[in-house]
Amino acid sequence: MLNRVNDKEDMELTAEILNDFVTTLKFSRNEFIKIANTTKKFFRPDENLKLFKKYQKDNPKAQQAYLYLLFEYELMDEVASYLDENDERDFIKERALFELKKSNKHYRLEDLINIDTVCL
């Protein structure tokens, strides 16, 4: 379905439909990141963040997708808080990106990982 949505096929993706999929199917970390990459094109940032904030609370496999969206929307204060709330051994690449961004380096998460083949 995500491939069809990404190919601009009118699938009428809504938050309700996405919620049904997320609650029914068991997604991997990779799949959650791919979903976030797709939904950022269709949902408003506040709506997308609200969805993924809930997903990551319900399922640890969605945590990186939520963090990915925080970076995408340049919410660095929220990124800092999220990283502070988690063990320093978690989210190593995201922590590196955060440090680069604090130094005014213009990197994106995709510069450090390939979201299509992310393996965590």
N, C-alpha and C. Protein backbone atom coordinates (compact mmCIF):
# COMPACT_ATOMS: atom_id res chain seq x y z
N MET A 1 0.83 -1.20 0.00
CA MET A 1 0.00 0.00 0.00
C MET A 1 0.87 1.25 0.00
N LEU A 2 1.94 1.24 0.81
CA LEU A 2 2.81 2.41 0.85
C LEU A 2 3.45 2.69 -0.51
N ASN A 3 3.82 1.65 -1.22
CA ASN A 3 4.38 1.85 -2.55
C ASN A 3 3.36 2.51 -3.47
N ARG A 4 2.12 2.10 -3.34
CA ARG A 4 1.08 2.71 -4.17
C ARG A 4 0.86 4.17 -3.79
N VAL A 5 0.90 4.46 -2.51
CA VAL A 5 0.76 5.85 -2.06
C VAL A 5 1.96 6.66 -2.54
N ASN A 6 3.16 6.10 -2.41
CA ASN A 6 4.36 6.80 -2.87
C ASN A 6 4.37 7.04 -4.37
N ASP A 7 3.70 6.15 -5.11
CA ASP A 7 3.60 6.31 -6.56
C ASP A 7 2.49 7.27 -6.96
N LYS A 8 1.97 7.99 -5.97
CA LYS A 8 0.95 9.03 -6.16
C LYS A 8 -0.41 8.47 -6.57
N GLU A 9 -0.60 7.18 -6.39
CA GLU A 9 -1.91 6.60 -6.63
C GLU A 9 -2.83 7.11 -5.53
N ASP A 10 -4.02 7.53 -5.89
CA ASP A 10 -4.94 8.09 -4.91
C ASP A 10 -5.51 6.97 -4.04
N MET A 11 -4.88 6.79 -2.87
CA MET A 11 -5.31 5.74 -1.95
C MET A 11 -6.13 6.31 -0.81
N GLU A 12 -6.28 7.64 -0.78
CA GLU A 12 -7.03 8.31 0.28
C GLU A 12 -6.54 7.87 1.65
N LEU A 13 -5.25 7.96 1.86
CA LEU A 13 -4.65 7.60 3.14
C LEU A 13 -5.07 8.62 4.19
N THR A 14 -5.66 8.12 5.25
CA THR A 14 -6.08 8.98 6.36
C THR A 14 -5.44 8.45 7.65
N ALA A 15 -5.50 9.26 8.67
CA ALA A 15 -4.97 8.85 9.97
C ALA A 15 -5.72 7.63 10.49
N GLU A 16 -7.00 7.57 10.26
CA GLU A 16 -7.80 6.44 10.73
C GLU A 16 -7.38 5.15 10.04
N ILE A 17 -7.18 5.21 8.74
CA ILE A 17 -6.73 4.03 7.99
C ILE A 17 -5.36 3.60 8.46
N LEU A 18 -4.47 4.57 8.63
CA LEU A 18 -3.13 4.25 9.11
C LEU A 18 -3.18 3.63 10.50
N ASN A 19 -4.00 4.17 11.38
CA ASN A 19 -4.14 3.61 12.72
C ASN A 19 -4.62 2.16 12.67
N ASP A 20 -5.56 1.88 11.77
CA ASP A 20 -6.04 0.51 11.62
C ASP A 20 -4.90 -0.43 11.22
N PHE A 21 -4.08 0.00 10.28
CA PHE A 21 -2.94 -0.81 9.85
C PHE A 21 -1.94 -1.02 10.97
N VAL A 22 -1.63 0.05 11.69
CA VAL A 22 -0.63 -0.02 12.75
C VAL A 22 -1.10 -0.90 13.89
N THR A 23 -2.38 -0.84 14.22
CA THR A 23 -2.86 -1.68 15.32
C THR A 23 -3.05 -3.13 14.89
N THR A 24 -3.27 -3.37 13.62
CA THR A 24 -3.52 -4.72 13.14
C THR A 24 -2.24 -5.47 12.78
N LEU A 25 -1.33 -4.77 12.11
CA LEU A 25 -0.11 -5.41 11.61
C LEU A 25 1.05 -5.17 12.57
N LYS A 26 1.98 -6.05 12.57
CA LYS A 26 3.18 -5.92 13.40
C LYS A 26 4.32 -5.39 12.54
N PHE A 27 4.56 -4.10 12.60
CA PHE A 27 5.59 -3.49 11.78
C PHE A 27 6.95 -3.55 12.45
N SER A 28 7.98 -3.63 11.64
CA SER A 28 9.36 -3.57 12.12
C SER A 28 9.78 -2.11 12.24
N ARG A 29 10.96 -1.88 12.81
CA ARG A 29 11.50 -0.51 12.87
C ARG A 29 11.63 0.07 11.47
N ASN A 30 12.15 -0.74 10.56
CA ASN A 30 12.32 -0.29 9.18
C ASN A 30 10.99 0.16 8.59
N GLU A 31 9.97 -0.65 8.81
CA GLU A 31 8.66 -0.34 8.23
C GLU A 31 8.07 0.93 8.85
N PHE A 32 8.25 1.12 10.14
CA PHE A 32 7.75 2.35 10.76
C PHE A 32 8.45 3.57 10.15
N ILE A 33 9.75 3.47 9.91
CA ILE A 33 10.47 4.59 9.31
C ILE A 33 9.98 4.84 7.89
N LYS A 34 9.75 3.78 7.14
CA LYS A 34 9.21 3.93 5.78
C LYS A 34 7.82 4.56 5.81
N ILE A 35 7.02 4.16 6.78
CA ILE A 35 5.69 4.76 6.92
C ILE A 35 5.82 6.25 7.22
N ALA A 36 6.71 6.61 8.15
CA ALA A 36 6.90 8.02 8.49
C ALA A 36 7.39 8.81 7.28
N ASN A 37 8.27 8.21 6.50
CA ASN A 37 8.77 8.87 5.29
C ASN A 37 7.64 9.12 4.30
N THR A 38 6.70 8.22 4.24
CA THR A 38 5.55 8.38 3.34
C THR A 38 4.54 9.38 3.91
N THR A 39 4.21 9.24 5.18
CA THR A 39 3.15 10.08 5.75
C THR A 39 3.56 11.54 5.84
N LYS A 40 4.85 11.82 5.90
CA LYS A 40 5.26 13.23 5.97
C LYS A 40 4.86 13.98 4.70
N LYS A 41 4.61 13.25 3.63
CA LYS A 41 4.19 13.87 2.37
C LYS A 41 2.69 14.12 2.32
N PHE A 42 1.94 13.45 3.18
CA PHE A 42 0.48 13.51 3.08
C PHE A 42 -0.21 14.14 4.28
N PHE A 43 0.41 14.06 5.45
CA PHE A 43 -0.21 14.60 6.66
C PHE A 43 0.47 15.89 7.07
N ARG A 44 -0.27 16.74 7.75
CA ARG A 44 0.32 17.95 8.32
C ARG A 44 1.32 17.53 9.39
N PRO A 45 2.36 18.31 9.59
CA PRO A 45 3.36 17.94 10.60
C PRO A 45 2.78 17.67 11.98
N ASP A 46 1.87 18.52 12.45
CA ASP A 46 1.31 18.30 13.79
C ASP A 46 0.51 17.01 13.87
N GLU A 47 -0.21 16.70 12.82
CA GLU A 47 -0.98 15.45 12.78
C GLU A 47 -0.05 14.24 12.73
N ASN A 48 0.97 14.32 11.92
CA ASN A 48 1.91 13.23 11.77
C ASN A 48 2.67 12.97 13.08
N LEU A 49 3.12 14.04 13.71
CA LEU A 49 3.83 13.89 14.98
C LEU A 49 2.93 13.30 16.06
N LYS A 50 1.69 13.72 16.08
CA LYS A 50 0.75 13.19 17.07
C LYS A 50 0.57 11.68 16.88
N LEU A 51 0.44 11.26 15.62
CA LEU A 51 0.29 9.83 15.33
C LEU A 51 1.51 9.05 15.80
N PHE A 52 2.68 9.51 15.42
CA PHE A 52 3.89 8.77 15.72
C PHE A 52 4.29 8.87 17.19
N LYS A 53 3.90 9.92 17.85
CA LYS A 53 4.13 10.00 19.29
C LYS A 53 3.35 8.90 19.99
N LYS A 54 2.12 8.71 19.55
CA LYS A 54 1.29 7.63 20.10
C LYS A 54 1.88 6.27 19.74
N TYR A 55 2.26 6.09 18.49
CA TYR A 55 2.80 4.80 18.06
C TYR A 55 4.04 4.42 18.87
N GLN A 56 4.93 5.38 19.09
CA GLN A 56 6.17 5.07 19.79
C GLN A 56 5.94 4.78 21.27
N LYS A 57 4.88 5.33 21.82
CA LYS A 57 4.54 5.01 23.20
C LYS A 57 3.98 3.59 23.30
N ASP A 58 3.22 3.20 22.28
CA ASP A 58 2.60 1.87 22.27
C ASP A 58 3.55 0.78 21.79
N ASN A 59 4.53 1.16 20.98
CA ASN A 59 5.41 0.17 20.36
C ASN A 59 6.82 0.74 20.24
N PRO A 60 7.79 0.18 20.95
CA PRO A 60 9.16 0.68 20.88
C PRO A 60 9.76 0.66 19.48
N LYS A 61 9.21 -0.17 18.61
CA LYS A 61 9.73 -0.23 17.24
C LYS A 61 9.42 1.04 16.45
N ALA A 62 8.54 1.88 16.96
CA ALA A 62 8.19 3.13 16.28
C ALA A 62 9.00 4.31 16.80
N GLN A 63 9.87 4.09 17.78
CA GLN A 63 10.61 5.20 18.37
C GLN A 63 11.49 5.92 17.36
N GLN A 64 12.22 5.18 16.55
CA GLN A 64 13.10 5.84 15.59
C GLN A 64 12.32 6.59 14.52
N ALA A 65 11.15 6.10 14.19
CA ALA A 65 10.32 6.81 13.22
C ALA A 65 9.87 8.15 13.79
N TYR A 66 9.52 8.16 15.06
CA TYR A 66 9.13 9.42 15.70
C TYR A 66 10.31 10.38 15.74
N LEU A 67 11.45 9.87 16.11
CA LEU A 67 12.66 10.70 16.14
C LEU A 67 13.01 11.20 14.74
N TYR A 68 12.84 10.35 13.76
CA TYR A 68 13.05 10.73 12.36
C TYR A 68 12.18 11.94 11.99
N LEU A 69 10.92 11.89 12.39
CA LEU A 69 10.02 13.01 12.08
C LEU A 69 10.41 14.28 12.83
N LEU A 70 10.84 14.14 14.06
CA LEU A 70 11.30 15.32 14.79
C LEU A 70 12.45 15.99 14.05
N PHE A 71 13.37 15.20 13.53
CA PHE A 71 14.47 15.76 12.73
C PHE A 71 13.94 16.37 11.43
N GLU A 72 13.04 15.67 10.77
CA GLU A 72 12.50 16.17 9.50
C GLU A 72 11.83 17.53 9.66
N TYR A 73 11.14 17.71 10.76
CA TYR A 73 10.43 18.96 11.00
C TYR A 73 11.29 19.97 11.77
N GLU A 74 12.58 19.63 11.93
CA GLU A 74 13.56 20.53 12.57
C GLU A 74 13.15 20.96 13.98
N LEU A 75 12.62 20.03 14.74
CA LEU A 75 12.20 20.30 16.11
C LEU A 75 13.32 19.89 17.06
N MET A 76 14.39 20.67 17.05
CA MET A 76 15.61 20.30 17.76
C MET A 76 15.46 20.28 19.28
N ASP A 77 14.62 21.14 19.84
CA ASP A 77 14.38 21.10 21.28
C ASP A 77 13.72 19.78 21.68
N GLU A 78 12.76 19.34 20.85
CA GLU A 78 12.09 18.07 21.12
C GLU A 78 13.04 16.89 20.91
N VAL A 79 13.92 16.99 19.90
CA VAL A 79 14.93 15.95 19.70
C VAL A 79 15.82 15.85 20.93
N ALA A 80 16.29 16.99 21.43
CA ALA A 80 17.16 17.01 22.60
C ALA A 80 16.46 16.37 23.79
N SER A 81 15.21 16.72 24.01
CA SER A 81 14.45 16.15 25.13
C SER A 81 14.28 14.64 24.97
N TYR A 82 13.96 14.23 23.77
CA TYR A 82 13.75 12.81 23.52
C TYR A 82 15.04 12.02 23.75
N LEU A 83 16.14 12.53 23.25
CA LEU A 83 17.42 11.85 23.44
C LEU A 83 17.81 11.82 24.91
N ASP A 84 17.55 12.91 25.63
CA ASP A 84 17.86 12.97 27.05
C ASP A 84 17.05 11.96 27.87
N GLU A 85 15.83 11.68 27.41
CA GLU A 85 14.95 10.75 28.11
C GLU A 85 15.35 9.29 27.91
N ASN A 86 16.23 9.05 26.96
CA ASN A 86 16.62 7.68 26.63
C ASN A 86 18.08 7.43 26.98
N ASP A 87 18.42 6.17 27.12
CA ASP A 87 19.77 5.75 27.45
C ASP A 87 20.74 6.27 26.39
N GLU A 88 21.91 6.70 26.83
CA GLU A 88 22.90 7.28 25.90
C GLU A 88 23.41 6.26 24.89
N ARG A 89 23.18 4.97 25.13
CA ARG A 89 23.58 3.94 24.17
C ARG A 89 22.54 3.73 23.09
N ASP A 90 21.38 4.34 23.24
CA ASP A 90 20.32 4.24 22.24
C ASP A 90 20.45 5.40 21.24
N PHE A 91 20.02 5.15 20.03
CA PHE A 91 19.94 6.18 18.99
C PHE A 91 21.30 6.83 18.71
N ILE A 92 22.32 6.03 18.52
CA ILE A 92 23.68 6.53 18.33
C ILE A 92 23.78 7.43 17.09
N LYS A 93 23.23 6.99 15.98
CA LYS A 93 23.31 7.80 14.76
C LYS A 93 22.52 9.09 14.89
N GLU A 94 21.39 9.00 15.54
CA GLU A 94 20.58 10.19 15.74
C GLU A 94 21.27 11.17 16.67
N ARG A 95 21.98 10.66 17.67
CA ARG A 95 22.75 11.53 18.56
C ARG A 95 23.88 12.22 17.80
N ALA A 96 24.52 11.47 16.91
CA ALA A 96 25.58 12.06 16.09
C ALA A 96 25.01 13.17 15.21
N LEU A 97 23.88 12.91 14.60
CA LEU A 97 23.24 13.94 13.76
C LEU A 97 22.86 15.15 14.60
N PHE A 98 22.35 14.93 15.79
CA PHE A 98 21.97 16.04 16.66
C PHE A 98 23.19 16.91 16.98
N GLU A 99 24.31 16.28 17.27
CA GLU A 99 25.53 17.03 17.55
C GLU A 99 25.99 17.81 16.33
N LEU A 100 25.88 17.22 15.15
CA LEU A 100 26.24 17.93 13.92
C LEU A 100 25.32 19.14 13.72
N LYS A 101 24.04 18.95 13.94
CA LYS A 101 23.09 20.05 13.76
C LYS A 101 23.34 21.17 14.77
N LYS A 102 23.71 20.80 15.99
CA LYS A 102 24.02 21.83 16.99
C LYS A 102 25.24 22.65 16.56
N SER A 103 26.10 22.06 15.75
CA SER A 103 27.29 22.76 15.25
C SER A 103 27.00 23.46 13.93
N ASN A 104 25.71 23.60 13.61
CA ASN A 104 25.25 24.26 12.38
C ASN A 104 25.71 23.55 11.11
N LYS A 105 25.88 22.26 11.19
CA LYS A 105 26.16 21.45 10.01
C LYS A 105 24.81 21.08 9.40
N HIS A 106 24.75 21.09 8.10
CA HIS A 106 23.47 20.88 7.42
C HIS A 106 23.35 19.45 6.90
N TYR A 107 23.31 18.52 7.83
CA TYR A 107 23.12 17.12 7.49
C TYR A 107 21.67 16.75 7.75
N ARG A 108 21.26 15.69 7.08
CA ARG A 108 19.94 15.12 7.31
C ARG A 108 20.13 13.68 7.76
N LEU A 109 19.10 13.11 8.34
CA LEU A 109 19.19 11.73 8.80
C LEU A 109 19.54 10.79 7.65
N GLU A 110 19.03 11.08 6.47
CA GLU A 110 19.33 10.24 5.30
C GLU A 110 20.80 10.30 4.91
N ASP A 111 21.53 11.31 5.38
CA ASP A 111 22.96 11.38 5.11
C ASP A 111 23.72 10.34 5.94
N LEU A 112 23.11 9.90 7.04
CA LEU A 112 23.75 8.92 7.92
C LEU A 112 23.21 7.51 7.74
N ILE A 113 21.95 7.42 7.37
CA ILE A 113 21.35 6.10 7.16
C ILE A 113 20.48 6.13 5.91
N ASN A 114 20.36 5.00 5.27
CA ASN A 114 19.46 4.86 4.14
C ASN A 114 18.13 4.35 4.70
N ILE A 115 17.11 5.18 4.68
CA ILE A 115 15.85 4.79 5.31
C ILE A 115 15.18 3.63 4.61
N ASP A 116 15.56 3.37 3.36
CA ASP A 116 14.98 2.23 2.66
C ASP A 116 15.61 0.91 3.07
N THR A 117 16.81 0.97 3.62
CA THR A 117 17.49 -0.27 3.98
C THR A 117 17.98 -0.24 5.42
N VAL A 118 17.41 0.64 6.23
CA VAL A 118 17.87 0.78 7.62
C VAL A 118 17.77 -0.57 8.32
N CYS A 119 18.79 -0.90 9.03
CA CYS A 119 18.84 -2.18 9.74
C CYS A 119 19.31 -1.90 11.15
N LEU A 120 18.41 -1.98 12.10
CA LEU A 120 18.75 -1.62 13.48
C LEU A 120 18.56 -2.79 14.42
